[in-house]
C-alpha atoms as a PDB file:
ATOM      1  CA  MET A   1     -48.745  40.789 -33.285  1.00  0.00           C
ATOM      2  CA  ARG A   2     -45.404  41.966 -34.701  1.00  0.00           C
ATOM      3  CA  ARG A   3     -46.645  41.757 -38.295  1.00  0.00           C
ATOM      4  CA  GLU A   4     -49.708  43.808 -37.433  1.00  0.00           C
ATOM      5  CA  ARG A   5     -47.519  46.562 -36.007  1.00  0.00           C
ATOM      6  CA  LEU A   6     -45.232  46.513 -39.055  1.00  0.00           C
ATOM      7  CA  GLU A   7     -48.159  46.803 -41.436  1.00  0.00           C
ATOM      8  CA  GLN A   8     -49.057  50.098 -39.761  1.00  0.00           C
ATOM      9  CA  LEU A   9     -45.696  51.659 -40.746  1.00  0.00           C
ATOM     10  CA  THR A  10     -44.793  53.489 -43.917  1.00  0.00           C
ATOM     11  CA  LEU A  11     -42.335  52.059 -46.464  1.00  0.00           C
ATOM     12  CA  ASP A  12     -39.626  54.530 -45.354  1.00  0.00           C
ATOM     13  CA  GLU A  13     -40.107  53.504 -41.704  1.00  0.00           C
ATOM     14  CA  LEU A  14     -39.868  49.855 -42.698  1.00  0.00           C
ATOM     15  CA  LYS A  15     -36.645  50.520 -44.651  1.00  0.00           C
ATOM     16  CA  LYS A  16     -35.132  52.250 -41.598  1.00  0.00           C
ATOM     17  CA  ILE A  17     -35.954  49.221 -39.379  1.00  0.00           C
ATOM     18  CA  ALA A  18     -34.472  46.907 -42.013  1.00  0.00           C
ATOM     19  CA  HIS A  19     -31.322  49.013 -42.127  1.00  0.00           C
ATOM     20  CA  ASP A  20     -31.005  48.932 -38.299  1.00  0.00           C
ATOM     21  CA  ILE A  21     -31.178  45.106 -38.214  1.00  0.00           C
ATOM     22  CA  ASP A  22     -28.809  44.690 -41.199  1.00  0.00           C
ATOM     23  CA  ILE A  23     -31.344  43.530 -43.813  1.00  0.00           C
ATOM     24  CA  PRO A  24     -30.347  44.396 -47.403  1.00  0.00           C
ATOM     25  CA  VAL A  25     -33.058  46.552 -49.009  1.00  0.00           C
ATOM     26  CA  PRO A  26     -33.135  46.800 -52.815  1.00  0.00           C
ATOM     27  CA  ASP A  27     -34.506  50.068 -54.213  1.00  0.00           C
ATOM     28  CA  ASP A  28     -37.361  48.296 -55.973  1.00  0.00           C
ATOM     29  CA  ILE A  29     -38.488  46.187 -52.981  1.00  0.00           C
ATOM     30  CA  ASP A  30     -42.187  46.238 -52.347  1.00  0.00           C
ATOM     31  CA  ARG A  31     -43.771  46.859 -48.934  1.00  0.00           C
ATOM     32  CA  GLU A  32     -45.123  43.298 -48.428  1.00  0.00           C
ATOM     33  CA  THR A  33     -41.781  41.653 -49.180  1.00  0.00           C
ATOM     34  CA  LEU A  34     -39.996  44.014 -46.801  1.00  0.00           C
ATOM     35  CA  ILE A  35     -42.435  43.244 -43.963  1.00  0.00           C
ATOM     36  CA  LYS A  36     -41.918  39.514 -44.566  1.00  0.00           C
ATOM     37  CA  ARG A  37     -38.099  39.838 -44.419  1.00  0.00           C
ATOM     38  CA  VAL A  38     -38.220  41.918 -41.238  1.00  0.00           C
ATOM     39  CA  CYS A  39     -40.516  39.358 -39.563  1.00  0.00           C
ATOM     40  CA  GLU A  40     -38.231  36.492 -40.603  1.00  0.00           C
ATOM     41  CA  SER A  41     -35.178  38.319 -39.256  1.00  0.00           C
ATOM     42  CA  TYR A  42     -36.856  38.933 -35.901  1.00  0.00           C
ATOM     43  CA  ASP A  43     -37.930  35.265 -35.708  1.00  0.00           C
ATOM     44  CA  GLU A  44     -34.375  34.064 -36.382  1.00  0.00           C
ATOM     45  CA  ARG A  45     -32.966  36.377 -33.719  1.00  0.00           C
ATOM     46  CA  GLU A  46     -35.477  35.129 -31.150  1.00  0.00           C
ATOM     47  CA  GLU A  47     -34.588  31.494 -31.917  1.00  0.00           C
ATOM     48  CA  GLU A  48     -30.903  32.258 -31.458  1.00  0.00           C
ATOM     49  CA  ARG A  49     -31.555  33.991 -28.138  1.00  0.00           C
ATOM     50  CA  GLU A  50     -33.687  31.086 -26.923  1.00  0.00           C
ATOM     51  CA  PHE A  51     -30.981  28.605 -27.926  1.00  0.00           C
ATOM     52  CA  ASP A  52     -28.319  30.655 -26.150  1.00  0.00           C
ATOM     53  CA  ASN A  53     -30.487  30.913 -23.042  1.00  0.00           C
ATOM     54  CA  VAL A  54     -31.081  27.158 -22.999  1.00  0.00           C
ATOM     55  CA  SER A  55     -27.330  26.502 -23.343  1.00  0.00           C
ATOM     56  CA  VAL A  56     -26.584  28.897 -20.503  1.00  0.00           C
ATOM     57  CA  LYS A  57     -29.257  27.275 -18.336  1.00  0.00           C
ATOM     58  CA  ILE A  58     -27.893  23.779 -19.037  1.00  0.00           C
ATOM     59  CA  GLU A  59     -24.347  24.827 -18.162  1.00  0.00           C
ATOM     60  CA  GLY A  60     -25.668  26.533 -15.050  1.00  0.00           C
ATOM     61  CA  MET A  61     -27.521  23.399 -14.016  1.00  0.00           C
ATOM     62  CA  LYS A  62     -24.373  21.301 -14.543  1.00  0.00           C
ATOM     63  CA  TYR A  63     -22.412  23.690 -12.393  1.00  0.00           C
ATOM     64  CA  ARG A  64     -25.061  23.741  -9.662  1.00  0.00           C
ATOM     65  CA  LEU A  65     -25.312  19.946  -9.698  1.00  0.00           C
ATOM     66  CA  SER A  66     -21.557  19.534  -9.403  1.00  0.00           C
ATOM     67  CA  ARG A  67     -21.438  22.117  -6.630  1.00  0.00           C
ATOM     68  CA  ASP A  68     -24.333  20.440  -4.829  1.00  0.00           C
ATOM     69  CA  GLU A  69     -22.575  17.069  -5.071  1.00  0.00           C
ATOM     70  CA  GLU A  70     -19.396  18.593  -3.639  1.00  0.00           C
ATOM     71  CA  LEU A  71     -21.352  20.204  -0.823  1.00  0.00           C
ATOM     72  CA  ASP A  72     -23.184  16.958  -0.109  1.00  0.00           C
ATOM     73  CA  VAL A  73     -19.849  15.151   0.217  1.00  0.00           C
ATOM     74  CA  ARG A  74     -18.270  17.906   2.315  1.00  0.00           C
ATOM     75  CA  ASP A  75     -21.284  18.409   4.550  1.00  0.00           C
ATOM     76  CA  SER A  76     -21.901  14.733   5.242  1.00  0.00           C
ATOM     77  CA  GLU A  77     -20.044  13.348   8.238  1.00  0.00           C
ATOM     78  CA  GLU A  78     -19.345  10.043   6.523  1.00  0.00           C
ATOM     79  CA  ILE A  79     -20.001   8.170   3.300  1.00  0.00           C
ATOM     80  CA  VAL A  80     -22.149   5.179   4.199  1.00  0.00           C
ATOM     81  CA  LEU A  81     -21.216   2.004   2.359  1.00  0.00           C
ATOM     82  CA  PRO A  82     -23.856  -0.678   1.728  1.00  0.00           C
ATOM     83  CA  ASP A  83     -24.102  -3.503   4.252  1.00  0.00           C
ATOM     84  CA  SER A  84     -23.794  -6.075   1.479  1.00  0.00           C
ATOM     85  CA  TYR A  85     -23.157  -6.380  -2.256  1.00  0.00           C
ATOM     86  CA  GLY A  86     -25.305  -9.442  -2.939  1.00  0.00           C
ATOM     87  CA  THR A  87     -22.388 -11.846  -3.416  1.00  0.00           C
ATOM     88  CA  THR A  88     -20.839 -14.730  -1.533  1.00  0.00           C
ATOM     89  CA  ARG A  89     -17.157 -14.175  -0.832  1.00  0.00           C
ATOM     90  CA  ILE A  90     -14.502 -14.088   1.891  1.00  0.00           C
ATOM     91  CA  ILE A  91     -11.467 -11.786   1.900  1.00  0.00           C
ATOM     92  CA  LEU A  92      -8.312 -12.371   3.956  1.00  0.00           C
ATOM     93  CA  MET A  93      -5.717  -9.695   4.812  1.00  0.00           C
ATOM     94  CA  ALA A  94      -2.445  -9.907   6.731  1.00  0.00           C
ATOM     95  CA  ARG A  95      -2.152  -7.390   9.564  1.00  0.00           C
ATOM     96  CA  ASP A  96       1.201  -8.363  11.115  1.00  0.00           C
ATOM     97  CA  PRO A  97       3.268 -11.550  11.616  1.00  0.00           C
ATOM     98  CA  TYR A  98       0.733 -13.051  14.055  1.00  0.00           C
ATOM     99  CA  TRP A  99      -2.604 -11.538  13.102  1.00  0.00           C
ATOM    100  CA  ALA A 100      -4.815 -11.588  10.027  1.00  0.00           C
ATOM    101  CA  PHE A 101      -8.214 -10.092   9.332  1.00  0.00           C
ATOM    102  CA  ALA A 102     -11.057 -11.722   7.413  1.00  0.00           C
ATOM    103  CA  TYR A 103     -14.391 -10.360   6.275  1.00  0.00           C
ATOM    104  CA  TRP A 104     -17.074 -12.150   4.342  1.00  0.00           C
ATOM    105  CA  GLU A 105     -20.536 -11.974   2.844  1.00  0.00           C
ATOM    106  CA  ILE A 106     -23.122 -14.650   2.047  1.00  0.00           C
ATOM    107  CA  ASP A 107     -25.723 -13.870  -0.604  1.00  0.00           C
ATOM    108  CA  LYS A 108     -29.396 -14.117   0.332  1.00  0.00           C
ATOM    109  CA  GLN A 109     -30.098 -17.302  -1.622  1.00  0.00           C
ATOM    110  CA  THR A 110     -27.179 -19.189  -0.066  1.00  0.00           C
ATOM    111  CA  LEU A 111     -28.025 -17.864   3.397  1.00  0.00           C
ATOM    112  CA  ARG A 112     -31.631 -19.011   2.987  1.00  0.00           C
ATOM    113  CA  ARG A 113     -30.429 -22.484   1.966  1.00  0.00           C
ATOM    114  CA  ILE A 114     -28.183 -22.699   5.041  1.00  0.00           C
ATOM    115  CA  LYS A 115     -30.911 -21.526   7.432  1.00  0.00           C
ATOM    116  CA  THR A 116     -33.426 -24.026   6.069  1.00  0.00           C
ATOM    117  CA  ASP A 117     -30.968 -26.928   6.331  1.00  0.00           C
ATOM    118  CA  GLN A 118     -32.534 -29.107   9.032  1.00  0.00           C
ATOM    119  CA  GLY A 119     -29.131 -30.406  10.093  1.00  0.00           C
ATOM    120  CA  PHE A 120     -27.490 -26.984  10.407  1.00  0.00           C
ATOM    121  CA  GLU A 121     -25.086 -26.880  13.376  1.00  0.00           C
ATOM    122  CA  GLY A 122     -23.070 -23.702  12.856  1.00  0.00           C
ATOM    123  CA  LEU A 123     -20.844 -21.576  10.676  1.00  0.00           C
ATOM    124  CA  LEU A 124     -17.042 -21.741  10.845  1.00  0.00           C
ATOM    125  CA  LEU A 125     -13.818 -20.377   9.391  1.00  0.00           C
ATOM    126  CA  ARG A 126     -11.243 -23.038   8.503  1.00  0.00           C
ATOM    127  CA  VAL A 127      -7.735 -21.531   8.454  1.00  0.00           C
ATOM    128  CA  HIS A 128      -5.240 -23.532   6.348  1.00  0.00           C
ATOM    129  CA  ASP A 129      -1.455 -23.222   6.439  1.00  0.00           C
ATOM    130  CA  ILE A 130      -0.434 -23.925   2.832  1.00  0.00           C
ATOM    131  CA  LYS A 131       3.223 -22.896   2.778  1.00  0.00           C
ATOM    132  CA  LEU A 132       5.000 -24.806  -0.041  1.00  0.00           C
ATOM    133  CA  ILE A 133       1.678 -26.520  -0.848  1.00  0.00           C
ATOM    134  CA  ASP A 134      -0.227 -26.546  -4.138  1.00  0.00           C
ATOM    135  CA  PHE A 135      -3.533 -26.311  -2.333  1.00  0.00           C
ATOM    136  CA  ASN A 136      -6.465 -28.327  -3.670  1.00  0.00           C
ATOM    137  CA  GLY A 137      -8.893 -27.593  -0.847  1.00  0.00           C
ATOM    138  CA  ASN A 138      -7.874 -30.406   1.493  1.00  0.00           C
ATOM    139  CA  ASN A 139      -4.099 -30.880   1.454  1.00  0.00           C
ATOM    140  CA  SER A 140      -2.847 -28.131   3.779  1.00  0.00           C
ATOM    141  CA  ASN A 141       0.069 -28.536   6.193  1.00  0.00           C
ATOM    142  CA  PHE A 142      -2.478 -28.138   8.989  1.00  0.00           C
ATOM    143  CA  TYR A 143      -5.694 -26.245   9.691  1.00  0.00           C
ATOM    144  CA  PHE A 144      -7.778 -25.029  12.598  1.00  0.00           C
ATOM    145  CA  ASP A 145     -11.439 -24.031  12.838  1.00  0.00           C
ATOM    146  CA  ILE A 146     -13.007 -20.877  14.294  1.00  0.00           C
ATOM    147  CA  PRO A 147     -16.747 -21.071  15.056  1.00  0.00           C
ATOM    148  CA  VAL A 148     -18.610 -17.884  14.042  1.00  0.00           C
ATOM    149  CA  LEU A 149     -22.247 -16.798  14.013  1.00  0.00           C
ATOM    150  CA  LEU A 150     -24.475 -16.335  10.990  1.00  0.00           C
ATOM    151  CA  ASN A 151     -24.710 -12.602  11.645  1.00  0.00           C
ATOM    152  CA  ASP A 152     -20.932 -12.222  11.939  1.00  0.00           C
ATOM    153  CA  GLY A 153     -19.179 -10.719   8.947  1.00  0.00           C
ATOM    154  CA  LYS A 154     -15.589 -10.156  10.071  1.00  0.00           C
ATOM    155  CA  TRP A 155     -12.999 -11.694  12.359  1.00  0.00           C
ATOM    156  CA  TYR A 156      -9.455 -11.086  13.598  1.00  0.00           C
ATOM    157  CA  ILE A 157      -7.452 -14.308  13.410  1.00  0.00           C
ATOM    158  CA  ASN A 158      -4.376 -15.150  15.450  1.00  0.00           C
ATOM    159  CA  VAL A 159      -2.191 -17.085  12.997  1.00  0.00           C
ATOM    160  CA  PRO A 160       0.422 -19.378  14.579  1.00  0.00           C
ATOM    161  CA  HIS A 161       3.429 -18.741  12.344  1.00  0.00           C
ATOM    162  CA  PRO A 162       4.988 -15.634  10.807  1.00  0.00           C
ATOM    163  CA  ASP A 163       6.486 -15.877   7.313  1.00  0.00           C
ATOM    164  CA  SER A 164       3.920 -18.455   6.294  1.00  0.00           C
ATOM    165  CA  VAL A 165       1.094 -18.797   3.767  1.00  0.00           C
ATOM    166  CA  TYR A 166      -2.584 -18.962   4.702  1.00  0.00           C
ATOM    167  CA  ILE A 167      -5.963 -19.374   3.079  1.00  0.00           C
ATOM    168  CA  ILE A 168      -9.417 -19.491   4.684  1.00  0.00           C
ATOM    169  CA  GLN A 169     -12.524 -21.467   3.832  1.00  0.00           C
ATOM    170  CA  LEU A 170     -15.979 -20.381   4.945  1.00  0.00           C
ATOM    171  CA  LEU A 171     -17.897 -23.555   5.864  1.00  0.00           C
ATOM    172  CA  TYR A 172     -20.946 -24.678   7.783  1.00  0.00           C
ATOM    173  CA  SER A 173     -21.651 -27.869   9.699  1.00  0.00           C
ATOM    174  CA  SER A 174     -24.682 -29.972   8.897  1.00  0.00           C
ATOM    175  CA  ASN A 175     -25.204 -33.303  10.668  1.00  0.00           C
ATOM    176  CA  GLY A 176     -21.469 -33.464  11.392  1.00  0.00           C
ATOM    177  CA  GLU A 177     -20.472 -32.802   7.794  1.00  0.00           C
ATOM    178  CA  LYS A 178     -18.582 -29.668   6.761  1.00  0.00           C
ATOM    179  CA  LYS A 179     -20.108 -28.002   3.715  1.00  0.00           C
ATOM    180  CA  PHE A 180     -18.277 -25.443   1.553  1.00  0.00           C
ATOM    181  CA  ILE A 181     -19.515 -21.853   1.137  1.00  0.00           C
ATOM    182  CA  ALA A 182     -16.531 -19.808  -0.078  1.00  0.00           C
ATOM    183  CA  GLN A 183     -12.728 -19.694  -0.185  1.00  0.00           C
ATOM    184  CA  SER A 184     -10.524 -16.648   0.339  1.00  0.00           C
ATOM    185  CA  ASN A 185      -7.475 -15.287  -1.394  1.00  0.00           C
ATOM    186  CA  VAL A 186      -3.992 -16.424  -0.309  1.00  0.00           C
ATOM    187  CA  ILE A 187      -1.897 -14.262   2.043  1.00  0.00           C
ATOM    188  CA  ASN A 188       1.699 -14.349   3.279  1.00  0.00           C
ATOM    189  CA  SER A 189       2.104 -13.499   6.947  1.00  0.00           C
ATOM    190  CA  PRO A 190       5.037 -11.066   7.333  1.00  0.00           C
ATOM    191  CA  ARG A 191       8.370 -12.033   8.852  1.00  0.00           C
ATOM    192  CA  GLU A 192       8.967 -11.001  12.444  1.00  0.00           C
ATOM    193  CA  ASN A 193      12.647 -10.202  11.857  1.00  0.00           C
ATOM    194  CA  ILE A 194      15.118  -9.112   9.208  1.00  0.00           C
ATOM    195  CA  SER A 195      15.436 -11.284   6.124  1.00  0.00           C
ATOM    196  CA  GLY A 196      17.815 -14.225   6.378  1.00  0.00           C
ATOM    197  CA  VAL A 197      18.828 -13.896   2.724  1.00  0.00           C
ATOM    198  CA  ILE A 198      22.578 -13.240   2.426  1.00  0.00           C
ATOM    199  CA  ASP A 199      23.999 -12.601  -1.034  1.00  0.00           C
ATOM    200  CA  ASN A 200      26.263 -10.148  -2.806  1.00  0.00           C
ATOM    201  CA  GLU A 201      23.766  -7.352  -2.211  1.00  0.00           C
ATOM    202  CA  TRP A 202      24.136  -7.817   1.567  1.00  0.00           C
ATOM    203  CA  ILE A 203      27.879  -7.971   2.157  1.00  0.00           C
ATOM    204  CA  ALA A 204      29.357  -6.898   5.491  1.00  0.00           C
ATOM    205  CA  GLY A 205      30.323  -3.443   4.224  1.00  0.00           C
ATOM    206  CA  SER A 206      26.733  -2.711   3.160  1.00  0.00           C
ATOM    207  CA  THR A 207      25.232  -3.803   6.476  1.00  0.00           C
ATOM    208  CA  ASP A 208      27.757  -1.660   8.356  1.00  0.00           C
ATOM    209  CA  LYS A 209      26.633   1.374   6.358  1.00  0.00           C
ATOM    210  CA  ILE A 210      22.972   0.645   7.110  1.00  0.00           C
ATOM    211  CA  ILE A 211      23.686   0.367  10.835  1.00  0.00           C
ATOM    212  CA  ASP A 212      25.610   3.652  10.785  1.00  0.00           C
ATOM    213  CA  LEU A 213      22.695   5.403   9.084  1.00  0.00           C
ATOM    214  CA  ILE A 214      20.202   4.047  11.626  1.00  0.00           C
ATOM    215  CA  ARG A 215      22.426   5.077  14.528  1.00  0.00           C
ATOM    216  CA  LYS A 216      22.634   8.620  13.140  1.00  0.00           C
ATOM    217  CA  ASP A 217      18.844   8.787  12.830  1.00  0.00           C
ATOM    218  CA  PHE A 218      18.427   7.801  16.488  1.00  0.00           C
ATOM    219  CA  ALA A 219      21.410   9.756  17.844  1.00  0.00           C
ATOM    220  CA  SER A 220      19.125  12.387  19.390  1.00  0.00           C
ATOM    221  CA  PHE A 221      17.135   9.775  21.356  1.00  0.00           C
ATOM    222  CA  HIS A 222      18.050   8.354  24.728  1.00  0.00           C
ATOM    223  CA  PRO A 223      18.191   4.517  24.621  1.00  0.00           C
ATOM    224  CA  ALA A 224      15.800   4.264  27.548  1.00  0.00           C
ATOM    225  CA  SER A 225      13.192   6.503  25.917  1.00  0.00           C
ATOM    226  CA  ALA A 226       9.701   5.062  26.185  1.00  0.00           C
ATOM    227  CA  GLY A 227       8.958   6.408  22.712  1.00  0.00           C
ATOM    228  CA  ILE A 228      11.289   3.883  21.027  1.00  0.00           C
ATOM    229  CA  PRO A 229      10.207   0.232  20.859  1.00  0.00           C
ATOM    230  CA  GLN A 230      12.524  -2.107  22.746  1.00  0.00           C
ATOM    231  CA  ARG A 231      13.189  -4.081  19.592  1.00  0.00           C
ATOM    232  CA  ILE A 232      14.593  -0.984  17.824  1.00  0.00           C
ATOM    233  CA  ILE A 233      16.648   0.014  20.875  1.00  0.00           C
ATOM    234  CA  SER A 234      18.266  -3.435  20.990  1.00  0.00           C
ATOM    235  CA  PHE A 235      18.919  -3.323  17.270  1.00  0.00           C
ATOM    236  CA  VAL A 236      20.529   0.124  17.279  1.00  0.00           C
ATOM    237  CA  SER A 237      22.630  -0.687  20.339  1.00  0.00           C
ATOM    238  CA  SER A 238      24.015  -3.856  18.758  1.00  0.00           C
ATOM    239  CA  SER A 239      27.092  -3.967  16.520  1.00  0.00           C
ATOM    240  CA  TYR A 240      25.607  -6.516  14.089  1.00  0.00           C
ATOM    241  CA  ILE A 241      22.329  -7.369  12.388  1.00  0.00           C
ATOM    242  CA  PRO A 242      20.709 -10.581  13.675  1.00  0.00           C
ATOM    243  CA  TYR A 243      19.328 -12.880  10.965  1.00  0.00           C
ATOM    244  CA  GLY A 244      16.385 -15.239  11.340  1.00  0.00           C
END
């Protein structure tokens, strides 16, 4: 369509168009060659505009997608995590000197094998105390069992000793025999008091300075204040640091 319109123009009109779009025009150029060059120039300009438009659209889409993702995250009340990850594992975490928390997962294949075991009697957590032990799966200082259900996946565990080392095995009973499913990581239960280590870093002068700093921090509080734990009140009121 463009070429047809150009062919209707005179040579002088074609030269003016060529001049306006920065096409060099020799004096001896013929009309057909000039029309061809003008058409080619217009085609190149259209390609460039289309390319620029596509680039702008792509960048715009990227921006909109990123904005939509941000809005989705901000607008949603919570990010829902999957119920399972298709693995068999048990994780143990220390909460305080007397409590730990365990959570576990059994993959579908293992769970199917357990459910179809004709002698299945129940699932259990076996908590091992392995302080100063190179644990091989059976040689703990002592252990105790916690019966759990197949649809359980987490459990708070009351551990008997602070400042100790624990590991958990996920087992199931079948005809009186305990069969292994998974073993957790090792944890250290925290101490329930200040460290009993006394060395050059903890000489009397240093401990006196620490006590003075703590007393200054609590100087604005009344010793009987319900907002201060009794353990801290006793500590601040004392003139020494109790060990172990």
